[in-house]
Amino acid sequence: MKRPVELWNWGDSNGKPALLTRFLYLCWQIDWQLHATPFNSDMSNLVKEYSRDFTPGFSENVVIGLSQAWLHLSKLTVAEKSYEELSDGSKTEGAEERFIPMAPALRWFWHGIENDLRAVEAKKWLLSIGWASILKQAEKRDAAIKLVLAGHAVSYGCYIEEKPAYTRARKKADRDWEEAMQQWVRAGGTGPQPDIADYLAKAAA
């Protein structure tokens, strides 16, 4: 029996947590420590525990910069919580309405720290580890969640799978469009050109 089509996974091809996953986990840790010990500015434990998860690793100044810009960082933890609430088995009432896409949240976060002098070292570090890659991975997850919200996929938290019924409908839509294109070409390209979007919309109906 074929496994469902996997749309997103928290890890990479080597089984290591993806860059987005690692960064969001670090954000969770910073957020937790700020709530647990609000009057303790020592972030050295986070450097010891998690710096090795990144290339290059980060310094205490990076963590301090992120923690001082907590209002911006909290946008990411709130968005991540809204994602987790859509997971199968732990879905909460109203989760669809509360969901916040991660890619826009990351862009809003960056906009917030862009001119924040406290986050200079943090910005340099984020660019060095691959900020563009973090955004790209978030966009892929958001696209997968869009199918979850439409009822065509299921989120299990660590990964998202397309529902088999939608996979079959999508593949049929692809075949129907290819056949329509061939007929259109054979007819000399007269009339409206078949649009794949129309066929995919039928699959989603």
N, C-alpha and C. Protein backbone atom coordinates (compact mmCIF):
# COMPACT_ATOMS: atom_id res chain seq x y z
N MET A 1 0.84 -1.20 0.00
CA MET A 1 0.00 0.00 0.00
C MET A 1 0.88 1.25 0.00
N LYS A 2 0.57 2.16 -0.93
CA LYS A 2 1.37 3.38 -1.03
C LYS A 2 1.10 4.31 0.15
N ARG A 3 2.17 4.93 0.63
CA ARG A 3 2.00 5.92 1.69
C ARG A 3 1.44 7.20 1.08
N PRO A 4 0.67 7.96 1.87
CA PRO A 4 0.16 9.24 1.37
C PRO A 4 1.30 10.18 0.98
N VAL A 5 1.00 11.11 0.09
CA VAL A 5 2.00 12.09 -0.35
C VAL A 5 2.34 13.01 0.83
N GLU A 6 3.63 13.11 1.12
CA GLU A 6 4.06 13.99 2.22
C GLU A 6 4.30 15.39 1.67
N LEU A 7 3.62 16.35 2.25
CA LEU A 7 3.70 17.74 1.79
C LEU A 7 4.75 18.55 2.55
N TRP A 8 4.99 18.17 3.79
CA TRP A 8 5.96 18.89 4.61
C TRP A 8 6.45 17.99 5.73
N ASN A 9 7.72 18.16 6.10
CA ASN A 9 8.29 17.39 7.20
C ASN A 9 9.18 18.31 8.02
N TRP A 10 9.16 18.10 9.33
CA TRP A 10 9.94 18.96 10.23
C TRP A 10 11.44 18.76 10.09
N GLY A 11 11.86 17.62 9.46
CA GLY A 11 13.27 17.32 9.33
C GLY A 11 13.74 17.39 7.88
N ASP A 12 15.05 17.23 7.70
CA ASP A 12 15.61 17.22 6.36
C ASP A 12 15.79 15.77 5.89
N SER A 13 16.45 15.59 4.74
CA SER A 13 16.60 14.25 4.17
C SER A 13 17.48 13.34 5.04
N ASN A 14 18.26 13.94 5.93
CA ASN A 14 19.13 13.15 6.82
C ASN A 14 18.48 12.87 8.18
N GLY A 15 17.23 13.29 8.33
CA GLY A 15 16.55 13.06 9.59
C GLY A 15 16.86 14.09 10.65
N LYS A 16 17.63 15.12 10.29
CA LYS A 16 17.97 16.19 11.22
C LYS A 16 16.88 17.26 11.17
N PRO A 17 16.49 17.84 12.31
CA PRO A 17 15.49 18.90 12.27
C PRO A 17 15.88 20.00 11.28
N ALA A 18 14.91 20.42 10.48
CA ALA A 18 15.17 21.45 9.48
C ALA A 18 15.53 22.77 10.16
N LEU A 19 16.10 23.69 9.40
CA LEU A 19 16.55 24.96 9.95
C LEU A 19 15.38 25.72 10.58
N LEU A 20 14.24 25.73 9.92
CA LEU A 20 13.05 26.39 10.48
C LEU A 20 12.70 25.78 11.83
N THR A 21 12.70 24.45 11.91
CA THR A 21 12.36 23.75 13.14
C THR A 21 13.32 24.12 14.27
N ARG A 22 14.60 24.14 13.96
CA ARG A 22 15.61 24.45 14.98
C ARG A 22 15.49 25.89 15.46
N PHE A 23 15.26 26.80 14.52
CA PHE A 23 15.14 28.21 14.91
C PHE A 23 13.91 28.46 15.77
N LEU A 24 12.77 27.87 15.39
CA LEU A 24 11.56 28.06 16.17
C LEU A 24 11.69 27.45 17.56
N TYR A 25 12.41 26.32 17.64
CA TYR A 25 12.62 25.71 18.96
C TYR A 25 13.46 26.63 19.85
N LEU A 26 14.46 27.28 19.24
CA LEU A 26 15.27 28.23 20.00
C LEU A 26 14.41 29.39 20.48
N CYS A 27 13.52 29.85 19.62
CA CYS A 27 12.61 30.94 20.02
C CYS A 27 11.74 30.52 21.19
N TRP A 28 11.25 29.27 21.16
CA TRP A 28 10.45 28.75 22.27
C TRP A 28 11.27 28.76 23.57
N GLN A 29 12.53 28.34 23.47
CA GLN A 29 13.38 28.27 24.66
C GLN A 29 13.64 29.66 25.24
N ILE A 30 13.90 30.62 24.37
CA ILE A 30 14.11 32.00 24.83
C ILE A 30 12.85 32.52 25.49
N ASP A 31 11.72 32.30 24.85
CA ASP A 31 10.43 32.77 25.37
C ASP A 31 10.14 32.13 26.73
N TRP A 32 10.39 30.81 26.84
CA TRP A 32 10.16 30.11 28.10
C TRP A 32 11.02 30.68 29.21
N GLN A 33 12.31 30.92 28.90
CA GLN A 33 13.22 31.41 29.94
C GLN A 33 12.83 32.82 30.39
N LEU A 34 12.36 33.64 29.45
CA LEU A 34 11.94 34.99 29.82
C LEU A 34 10.73 34.96 30.75
N HIS A 35 9.85 33.98 30.55
CA HIS A 35 8.69 33.86 31.43
C HIS A 35 9.06 33.22 32.76
N ALA A 36 9.96 32.24 32.72
CA ALA A 36 10.32 31.51 33.94
C ALA A 36 11.23 32.31 34.86
N THR A 37 12.17 33.05 34.25
CA THR A 37 13.13 33.82 35.06
C THR A 37 13.22 35.24 34.50
N PRO A 38 12.18 36.05 34.64
CA PRO A 38 12.14 37.38 34.02
C PRO A 38 13.21 38.35 34.53
N PHE A 39 13.75 38.09 35.72
CA PHE A 39 14.74 39.01 36.27
C PHE A 39 16.16 38.46 36.15
N ASN A 40 16.30 37.36 35.43
CA ASN A 40 17.62 36.75 35.24
C ASN A 40 18.03 36.93 33.78
N SER A 41 19.04 37.74 33.53
CA SER A 41 19.46 38.04 32.16
C SER A 41 20.52 37.07 31.64
N ASP A 42 20.88 36.06 32.45
CA ASP A 42 21.91 35.10 32.05
C ASP A 42 21.34 34.12 31.03
N MET A 43 21.82 34.21 29.78
CA MET A 43 21.35 33.34 28.71
C MET A 43 22.42 32.35 28.28
N SER A 44 23.48 32.23 29.08
CA SER A 44 24.60 31.37 28.70
C SER A 44 24.21 29.91 28.56
N ASN A 45 23.20 29.49 29.33
CA ASN A 45 22.77 28.09 29.26
C ASN A 45 22.20 27.75 27.88
N LEU A 46 21.52 28.73 27.24
CA LEU A 46 20.98 28.50 25.91
C LEU A 46 22.08 28.35 24.87
N VAL A 47 23.14 29.12 25.06
CA VAL A 47 24.28 29.01 24.15
C VAL A 47 24.91 27.63 24.26
N LYS A 48 25.11 27.16 25.49
CA LYS A 48 25.72 25.84 25.71
C LYS A 48 24.85 24.72 25.15
N GLU A 49 23.52 24.85 25.31
CA GLU A 49 22.61 23.78 24.92
C GLU A 49 22.33 23.73 23.42
N TYR A 50 22.18 24.89 22.78
CA TYR A 50 21.62 24.91 21.43
C TYR A 50 22.49 25.53 20.34
N SER A 51 23.58 26.18 20.73
CA SER A 51 24.42 26.83 19.72
C SER A 51 24.97 25.82 18.72
N ARG A 52 25.27 24.60 19.19
CA ARG A 52 25.85 23.58 18.32
C ARG A 52 24.87 23.10 17.24
N ASP A 53 23.60 23.44 17.38
CA ASP A 53 22.59 23.02 16.40
C ASP A 53 22.62 23.87 15.13
N PHE A 54 23.44 24.92 15.13
CA PHE A 54 23.48 25.84 13.99
C PHE A 54 24.90 26.01 13.48
N THR A 55 24.98 26.35 12.20
CA THR A 55 26.28 26.66 11.59
C THR A 55 26.18 27.99 10.86
N PRO A 56 26.88 29.03 11.36
CA PRO A 56 27.67 29.03 12.59
C PRO A 56 26.79 29.05 13.84
N GLY A 57 27.41 28.72 14.97
CA GLY A 57 26.69 28.79 16.23
C GLY A 57 26.45 30.23 16.63
N PHE A 58 25.69 30.44 17.68
CA PHE A 58 25.39 31.81 18.10
C PHE A 58 26.05 32.12 19.43
N SER A 59 26.21 33.40 19.69
CA SER A 59 26.82 33.87 20.93
C SER A 59 25.73 34.29 21.91
N GLU A 60 26.14 34.59 23.12
CA GLU A 60 25.17 35.06 24.12
C GLU A 60 24.59 36.41 23.70
N ASN A 61 25.38 37.22 22.99
CA ASN A 61 24.87 38.51 22.52
C ASN A 61 23.70 38.34 21.55
N VAL A 62 23.74 37.28 20.75
CA VAL A 62 22.63 37.00 19.83
C VAL A 62 21.36 36.71 20.61
N VAL A 63 21.49 35.84 21.63
CA VAL A 63 20.33 35.46 22.44
C VAL A 63 19.80 36.67 23.22
N ILE A 64 20.70 37.46 23.75
CA ILE A 64 20.29 38.65 24.50
C ILE A 64 19.56 39.62 23.57
N GLY A 65 20.07 39.76 22.34
CA GLY A 65 19.42 40.65 21.37
C GLY A 65 18.01 40.18 21.05
N LEU A 66 17.85 38.88 20.86
CA LEU A 66 16.52 38.33 20.58
C LEU A 66 15.59 38.47 21.78
N SER A 67 16.13 38.27 22.97
CA SER A 67 15.29 38.34 24.17
C SER A 67 14.87 39.77 24.47
N GLN A 68 15.76 40.74 24.19
CA GLN A 68 15.40 42.14 24.42
C GLN A 68 14.35 42.62 23.41
N ALA A 69 14.33 41.95 22.26
CA ALA A 69 13.29 42.27 21.26
C ALA A 69 12.17 41.25 21.38
N TRP A 70 11.78 40.96 22.62
CA TRP A 70 10.83 39.88 22.89
C TRP A 70 9.49 40.08 22.19
N LEU A 71 9.00 41.31 22.10
CA LEU A 71 7.71 41.56 21.45
C LEU A 71 7.70 41.07 20.01
N HIS A 72 8.84 41.20 19.34
CA HIS A 72 8.95 40.73 17.96
C HIS A 72 9.05 39.20 17.93
N LEU A 73 9.85 38.65 18.82
CA LEU A 73 10.05 37.20 18.86
C LEU A 73 8.75 36.48 19.24
N SER A 74 7.95 37.08 20.09
CA SER A 74 6.71 36.44 20.53
C SER A 74 5.73 36.25 19.39
N LYS A 75 5.85 37.03 18.32
CA LYS A 75 4.99 36.84 17.15
C LYS A 75 5.20 35.44 16.57
N LEU A 76 6.43 34.95 16.64
CA LEU A 76 6.75 33.63 16.09
C LEU A 76 6.23 32.51 16.98
N THR A 77 6.35 32.67 18.29
CA THR A 77 5.87 31.61 19.18
C THR A 77 4.34 31.51 19.15
N VAL A 78 3.66 32.65 18.99
CA VAL A 78 2.21 32.63 18.88
C VAL A 78 1.79 31.95 17.58
N ALA A 79 2.49 32.25 16.47
CA ALA A 79 2.19 31.61 15.19
C ALA A 79 2.45 30.11 15.25
N GLU A 80 3.52 29.71 15.92
CA GLU A 80 3.85 28.29 16.04
C GLU A 80 2.79 27.55 16.87
N LYS A 81 2.31 28.18 17.91
CA LYS A 81 1.26 27.56 18.73
C LYS A 81 -0.02 27.37 17.90
N SER A 82 -0.31 28.34 17.05
CA SER A 82 -1.52 28.23 16.22
C SER A 82 -1.38 27.09 15.21
N TYR A 83 -0.14 26.82 14.77
CA TYR A 83 0.11 25.69 13.87
C TYR A 83 -0.10 24.37 14.62
N GLU A 84 0.43 24.27 15.82
CA GLU A 84 0.33 23.04 16.59
C GLU A 84 -1.12 22.70 16.92
N GLU A 85 -1.96 23.72 17.06
CA GLU A 85 -3.36 23.49 17.40
C GLU A 85 -4.15 22.88 16.25
N LEU A 86 -3.54 22.82 15.06
CA LEU A 86 -4.20 22.22 13.91
C LEU A 86 -3.83 20.75 13.74
N SER A 87 -2.96 20.25 14.61
CA SER A 87 -2.49 18.87 14.49
C SER A 87 -3.60 17.87 14.79
N ASP A 88 -3.63 16.80 14.02
CA ASP A 88 -4.62 15.75 14.22
C ASP A 88 -4.44 15.14 15.61
N GLY A 89 -5.53 15.01 16.33
CA GLY A 89 -5.46 14.44 17.67
C GLY A 89 -5.37 15.47 18.77
N SER A 90 -4.92 16.68 18.43
CA SER A 90 -4.83 17.73 19.45
C SER A 90 -5.46 19.03 18.96
N LYS A 91 -6.31 18.91 17.94
CA LYS A 91 -6.95 20.08 17.36
C LYS A 91 -7.93 20.69 18.36
N THR A 92 -7.89 22.00 18.49
CA THR A 92 -8.75 22.69 19.44
C THR A 92 -9.84 23.45 18.70
N GLU A 93 -10.91 23.73 19.39
CA GLU A 93 -12.03 24.44 18.78
C GLU A 93 -11.61 25.85 18.36
N GLY A 94 -11.95 26.22 17.14
CA GLY A 94 -11.60 27.54 16.63
C GLY A 94 -10.17 27.65 16.13
N ALA A 95 -9.46 26.52 16.03
CA ALA A 95 -8.04 26.55 15.62
C ALA A 95 -7.89 27.14 14.23
N GLU A 96 -8.83 26.83 13.34
CA GLU A 96 -8.73 27.35 11.96
C GLU A 96 -8.75 28.88 11.94
N GLU A 97 -9.61 29.45 12.76
CA GLU A 97 -9.72 30.92 12.80
C GLU A 97 -8.50 31.57 13.44
N ARG A 98 -7.89 30.87 14.38
CA ARG A 98 -6.73 31.44 15.09
C ARG A 98 -5.42 31.24 14.34
N PHE A 99 -5.42 30.41 13.31
CA PHE A 99 -4.16 30.07 12.64
C PHE A 99 -3.49 31.30 12.05
N ILE A 100 -2.17 31.39 12.28
CA ILE A 100 -1.34 32.47 11.74
C ILE A 100 -0.25 31.85 10.87
N PRO A 101 -0.22 32.11 9.57
CA PRO A 101 0.82 31.56 8.71
C PRO A 101 2.21 31.98 9.20
N MET A 102 3.18 31.07 9.11
CA MET A 102 4.49 31.34 9.66
C MET A 102 5.31 32.30 8.80
N ALA A 103 5.25 32.18 7.48
CA ALA A 103 6.08 33.03 6.63
C ALA A 103 5.78 34.53 6.84
N PRO A 104 4.52 34.95 6.84
CA PRO A 104 4.24 36.36 7.14
C PRO A 104 4.69 36.75 8.55
N ALA A 105 4.56 35.83 9.51
CA ALA A 105 4.99 36.12 10.88
C ALA A 105 6.50 36.34 10.93
N LEU A 106 7.25 35.55 10.16
CA LEU A 106 8.71 35.72 10.11
C LEU A 106 9.08 37.05 9.47
N ARG A 107 8.35 37.42 8.43
CA ARG A 107 8.64 38.71 7.78
C ARG A 107 8.31 39.86 8.72
N TRP A 108 7.23 39.74 9.47
CA TRP A 108 6.86 40.76 10.44
C TRP A 108 7.90 40.84 11.57
N PHE A 109 8.39 39.68 11.97
CA PHE A 109 9.46 39.61 12.98
C PHE A 109 10.70 40.34 12.48
N TRP A 110 11.09 40.05 11.23
CA TRP A 110 12.29 40.69 10.67
C TRP A 110 12.10 42.20 10.58
N HIS A 111 10.92 42.62 10.14
CA HIS A 111 10.62 44.04 10.05
C HIS A 111 10.75 44.70 11.42
N GLY A 112 10.34 43.97 12.46
CA GLY A 112 10.41 44.50 13.81
C GLY A 112 11.82 44.69 14.33
N ILE A 113 12.72 43.75 13.98
CA ILE A 113 14.10 43.85 14.51
C ILE A 113 15.04 44.59 13.55
N GLU A 114 14.56 44.89 12.35
CA GLU A 114 15.43 45.45 11.32
C GLU A 114 16.12 46.73 11.76
N ASN A 115 15.38 47.60 12.45
CA ASN A 115 15.95 48.87 12.90
C ASN A 115 16.12 48.93 14.41
N ASP A 116 16.16 47.73 15.02
CA ASP A 116 16.32 47.65 16.48
C ASP A 116 17.81 47.46 16.79
N LEU A 117 18.42 48.45 17.39
CA LEU A 117 19.86 48.40 17.67
C LEU A 117 20.21 47.25 18.61
N ARG A 118 19.25 46.80 19.41
CA ARG A 118 19.51 45.71 20.35
C ARG A 118 19.70 44.39 19.63
N ALA A 119 19.23 44.30 18.37
CA ALA A 119 19.22 43.02 17.65
C ALA A 119 20.24 42.98 16.51
N VAL A 120 21.24 43.87 16.53
CA VAL A 120 22.23 43.92 15.45
C VAL A 120 22.94 42.58 15.28
N GLU A 121 23.44 42.02 16.39
CA GLU A 121 24.15 40.74 16.32
C GLU A 121 23.22 39.61 15.90
N ALA A 122 21.99 39.67 16.37
CA ALA A 122 21.01 38.63 16.02
C ALA A 122 20.72 38.64 14.52
N LYS A 123 20.59 39.83 13.94
CA LYS A 123 20.32 39.93 12.49
C LYS A 123 21.48 39.36 11.68
N LYS A 124 22.69 39.70 12.09
CA LYS A 124 23.87 39.18 11.38
C LYS A 124 23.91 37.66 11.45
N TRP A 125 23.60 37.14 12.62
CA TRP A 125 23.62 35.67 12.78
C TRP A 125 22.54 35.01 11.94
N LEU A 126 21.34 35.56 11.94
CA LEU A 126 20.24 34.99 11.15
C LEU A 126 20.58 34.95 9.66
N LEU A 127 21.22 35.99 9.18
CA LEU A 127 21.62 36.02 7.76
C LEU A 127 22.70 34.97 7.50
N SER A 128 23.58 34.78 8.46
CA SER A 128 24.69 33.84 8.27
C SER A 128 24.24 32.38 8.27
N ILE A 129 23.18 32.05 9.02
CA ILE A 129 22.72 30.65 9.05
C ILE A 129 21.76 30.35 7.90
N GLY A 130 21.22 31.40 7.26
CA GLY A 130 20.34 31.18 6.12
C GLY A 130 18.91 31.65 6.36
N TRP A 131 18.73 32.93 6.57
CA TRP A 131 17.39 33.47 6.81
C TRP A 131 16.46 33.18 5.63
N ALA A 132 17.00 33.26 4.41
CA ALA A 132 16.19 32.99 3.21
C ALA A 132 15.68 31.55 3.22
N SER A 133 16.51 30.62 3.70
CA SER A 133 16.09 29.22 3.78
C SER A 133 14.99 29.02 4.82
N ILE A 134 15.08 29.73 5.92
CA ILE A 134 14.05 29.66 6.96
C ILE A 134 12.72 30.12 6.37
N LEU A 135 12.74 31.22 5.63
CA LEU A 135 11.52 31.73 5.00
C LEU A 135 10.95 30.75 3.99
N LYS A 136 11.82 30.17 3.19
CA LYS A 136 11.38 29.21 2.16
C LYS A 136 10.71 28.00 2.79
N GLN A 137 11.30 27.48 3.87
CA GLN A 137 10.72 26.33 4.56
C GLN A 137 9.37 26.68 5.17
N ALA A 138 9.26 27.91 5.69
CA ALA A 138 7.99 28.35 6.27
C ALA A 138 6.91 28.47 5.19
N GLU A 139 7.29 28.97 4.03
CA GLU A 139 6.34 29.10 2.93
C GLU A 139 5.83 27.73 2.49
N LYS A 140 6.71 26.73 2.48
CA LYS A 140 6.30 25.37 2.11
C LYS A 140 5.32 24.81 3.14
N ARG A 141 5.60 25.04 4.42
CA ARG A 141 4.69 24.56 5.46
C ARG A 141 3.35 25.28 5.38
N ASP A 142 3.36 26.58 5.13
CA ASP A 142 2.12 27.33 5.01
C ASP A 142 1.27 26.82 3.85
N ALA A 143 1.93 26.49 2.73
CA ALA A 143 1.20 25.96 1.57
C ALA A 143 0.54 24.63 1.92
N ALA A 144 1.24 23.80 2.69
CA ALA A 144 0.69 22.51 3.11
C ALA A 144 -0.49 22.71 4.06
N ILE A 145 -0.36 23.66 4.97
CA ILE A 145 -1.45 23.93 5.92
C ILE A 145 -2.67 24.48 5.19
N LYS A 146 -2.46 25.19 4.10
CA LYS A 146 -3.59 25.69 3.31
C LYS A 146 -4.46 24.53 2.84
N LEU A 147 -3.81 23.41 2.48
CA LEU A 147 -4.56 22.21 2.08
C LEU A 147 -5.24 21.55 3.27
N VAL A 148 -4.59 21.63 4.44
CA VAL A 148 -5.21 21.11 5.67
C VAL A 148 -6.50 21.88 5.95
N LEU A 149 -6.43 23.20 5.86
CA LEU A 149 -7.60 24.04 6.13
C LEU A 149 -8.72 23.80 5.12
N ALA A 150 -8.33 23.40 3.89
CA ALA A 150 -9.31 23.12 2.85
C ALA A 150 -9.88 21.70 2.96
N GLY A 151 -9.32 20.91 3.88
CA GLY A 151 -9.80 19.55 4.08
C GLY A 151 -9.15 18.52 3.17
N HIS A 152 -8.04 18.90 2.51
CA HIS A 152 -7.39 18.01 1.55
C HIS A 152 -6.11 17.37 2.09
N ALA A 153 -5.73 17.70 3.31
CA ALA A 153 -4.51 17.16 3.92
C ALA A 153 -4.71 17.07 5.43
N VAL A 154 -3.79 16.36 6.08
CA VAL A 154 -3.85 16.18 7.54
C VAL A 154 -2.50 16.56 8.14
N SER A 155 -2.52 17.34 9.20
CA SER A 155 -1.29 17.70 9.90
C SER A 155 -1.12 16.81 11.12
N TYR A 156 0.08 16.23 11.25
CA TYR A 156 0.41 15.43 12.42
C TYR A 156 1.47 16.15 13.26
N GLY A 157 1.61 17.45 13.05
CA GLY A 157 2.57 18.23 13.80
C GLY A 157 3.94 18.20 13.16
N CYS A 158 4.60 17.03 13.22
CA CYS A 158 5.94 16.89 12.65
C CYS A 158 5.92 16.72 11.13
N TYR A 159 4.79 16.37 10.60
CA TYR A 159 4.69 16.24 9.14
C TYR A 159 3.24 16.43 8.71
N ILE A 160 3.06 16.72 7.43
CA ILE A 160 1.74 16.96 6.85
C ILE A 160 1.59 16.07 5.62
N GLU A 161 0.47 15.34 5.55
CA GLU A 161 0.24 14.43 4.44
C GLU A 161 -1.03 14.81 3.68
N GLU A 162 -0.95 14.62 2.36
CA GLU A 162 -2.11 14.84 1.52
C GLU A 162 -3.08 13.67 1.69
N LYS A 163 -4.38 13.94 1.74
CA LYS A 163 -5.36 12.86 1.82
C LYS A 163 -5.38 12.09 0.50
N PRO A 164 -5.39 10.75 0.56
CA PRO A 164 -5.36 9.93 -0.65
C PRO A 164 -6.45 10.30 -1.67
N ALA A 165 -7.65 10.62 -1.20
CA ALA A 165 -8.75 10.97 -2.12
C ALA A 165 -8.41 12.21 -2.91
N TYR A 166 -7.77 13.20 -2.24
CA TYR A 166 -7.39 14.42 -2.95
C TYR A 166 -6.23 14.15 -3.91
N THR A 167 -5.32 13.27 -3.51
CA THR A 167 -4.20 12.91 -4.39
C THR A 167 -4.73 12.32 -5.69
N ARG A 168 -5.70 11.41 -5.58
CA ARG A 168 -6.29 10.80 -6.78
C ARG A 168 -6.99 11.85 -7.64
N ALA A 169 -7.74 12.75 -7.01
CA ALA A 169 -8.45 13.80 -7.75
C ALA A 169 -7.47 14.75 -8.42
N ARG A 170 -6.38 15.07 -7.73
CA ARG A 170 -5.38 15.98 -8.28
C ARG A 170 -4.67 15.36 -9.49
N LYS A 171 -4.32 14.08 -9.38
CA LYS A 171 -3.66 13.40 -10.48
C LYS A 171 -4.59 13.27 -11.68
N LYS A 172 -5.88 13.02 -11.43
CA LYS A 172 -6.85 12.96 -12.53
C LYS A 172 -6.96 14.32 -13.21
N ALA A 173 -6.94 15.38 -12.40
CA ALA A 173 -7.00 16.73 -12.94
C ALA A 173 -5.80 16.99 -13.85
N ASP A 174 -4.62 16.53 -13.44
CA ASP A 174 -3.41 16.69 -14.26
C ASP A 174 -3.57 15.96 -15.59
N ARG A 175 -4.09 14.73 -15.54
CA ARG A 175 -4.26 13.95 -16.78
C ARG A 175 -5.30 14.60 -17.70
N ASP A 176 -6.40 15.06 -17.11
CA ASP A 176 -7.44 15.70 -17.91
C ASP A 176 -6.92 16.97 -18.58
N TRP A 177 -6.12 17.72 -17.85
CA TRP A 177 -5.56 18.96 -18.42
C TRP A 177 -4.59 18.65 -19.56
N GLU A 178 -3.73 17.63 -19.36
CA GLU A 178 -2.78 17.25 -20.41
C GLU A 178 -3.52 16.81 -21.67
N GLU A 179 -4.60 16.05 -21.50
CA GLU A 179 -5.40 15.61 -22.64
C GLU A 179 -6.05 16.80 -23.34
N ALA A 180 -6.58 17.74 -22.56
CA ALA A 180 -7.20 18.93 -23.14
C ALA A 180 -6.18 19.78 -23.88
N MET A 181 -4.94 19.86 -23.34
CA MET A 181 -3.88 20.61 -24.01
C MET A 181 -3.52 19.98 -25.35
N GLN A 182 -3.43 18.65 -25.37
CA GLN A 182 -3.12 17.95 -26.62
C GLN A 182 -4.20 18.20 -27.67
N GLN A 183 -5.44 18.16 -27.25
CA GLN A 183 -6.54 18.43 -28.18
C GLN A 183 -6.49 19.87 -28.68
N TRP A 184 -6.14 20.78 -27.79
CA TRP A 184 -6.06 22.20 -28.15
C TRP A 184 -4.95 22.43 -29.17
N VAL A 185 -3.80 21.75 -28.97
CA VAL A 185 -2.67 21.87 -29.91
C VAL A 185 -3.04 21.27 -31.26
N ARG A 186 -3.69 20.09 -31.24
CA ARG A 186 -4.09 19.44 -32.49
C ARG A 186 -5.09 20.29 -33.28
N ALA A 187 -5.85 21.11 -32.54
CA ALA A 187 -6.84 21.98 -33.19
C ALA A 187 -6.21 23.29 -33.67
N GLY A 188 -4.87 23.37 -33.57
CA GLY A 188 -4.18 24.55 -34.06
C GLY A 188 -4.15 25.70 -33.08
N GLY A 189 -4.45 25.41 -31.82
CA GLY A 189 -4.39 26.46 -30.80
C GLY A 189 -5.52 27.45 -30.88
N THR A 190 -6.62 27.01 -31.49
CA THR A 190 -7.78 27.90 -31.58
C THR A 190 -8.63 27.76 -30.32
N GLY A 191 -9.25 28.87 -29.97
CA GLY A 191 -10.08 28.86 -28.77
C GLY A 191 -9.26 29.08 -27.51
N PRO A 192 -9.93 29.19 -26.36
CA PRO A 192 -9.22 29.43 -25.10
C PRO A 192 -8.26 28.28 -24.77
N GLN A 193 -7.07 28.62 -24.31
CA GLN A 193 -6.10 27.59 -23.90
C GLN A 193 -6.52 27.01 -22.55
N PRO A 194 -6.52 25.68 -22.43
CA PRO A 194 -6.89 25.06 -21.15
C PRO A 194 -5.97 25.54 -20.02
N ASP A 195 -6.58 25.87 -18.91
CA ASP A 195 -5.85 26.40 -17.75
C ASP A 195 -5.82 25.32 -16.66
N ILE A 196 -4.62 24.94 -16.25
CA ILE A 196 -4.46 23.90 -15.23
C ILE A 196 -5.18 24.29 -13.94
N ALA A 197 -5.25 25.58 -13.66
CA ALA A 197 -5.91 26.05 -12.43
C ALA A 197 -7.38 25.65 -12.41
N ASP A 198 -8.01 25.66 -13.57
CA ASP A 198 -9.43 25.28 -13.63
C ASP A 198 -9.61 23.81 -13.26
N TYR A 199 -8.69 22.97 -13.72
CA TYR A 199 -8.79 21.53 -13.46
C TYR A 199 -8.47 21.23 -11.98
N LEU A 200 -7.50 21.95 -11.44
CA LEU A 200 -7.17 21.75 -10.02
C LEU A 200 -8.31 22.22 -9.12
N ALA A 201 -9.00 23.28 -9.56
CA ALA A 201 -10.13 23.78 -8.79
C ALA A 201 -11.24 22.73 -8.72
N LYS A 202 -11.42 21.98 -9.81
CA LYS A 202 -12.42 20.91 -9.81
C LYS A 202 -12.01 19.79 -8.85
N ALA A 203 -10.69 19.52 -8.78
CA ALA A 203 -10.20 18.48 -7.87
C ALA A 203 -10.43 18.89 -6.42
N ALA A 204 -10.35 20.19 -6.16
CA ALA A 204 -10.50 20.69 -4.79
C ALA A 204 -11.95 20.83 -4.37
N ALA A 205 -12.84 20.76 -5.35
CA ALA A 205 -14.28 20.97 -5.06
C ALA A 205 -14.84 19.81 -4.23
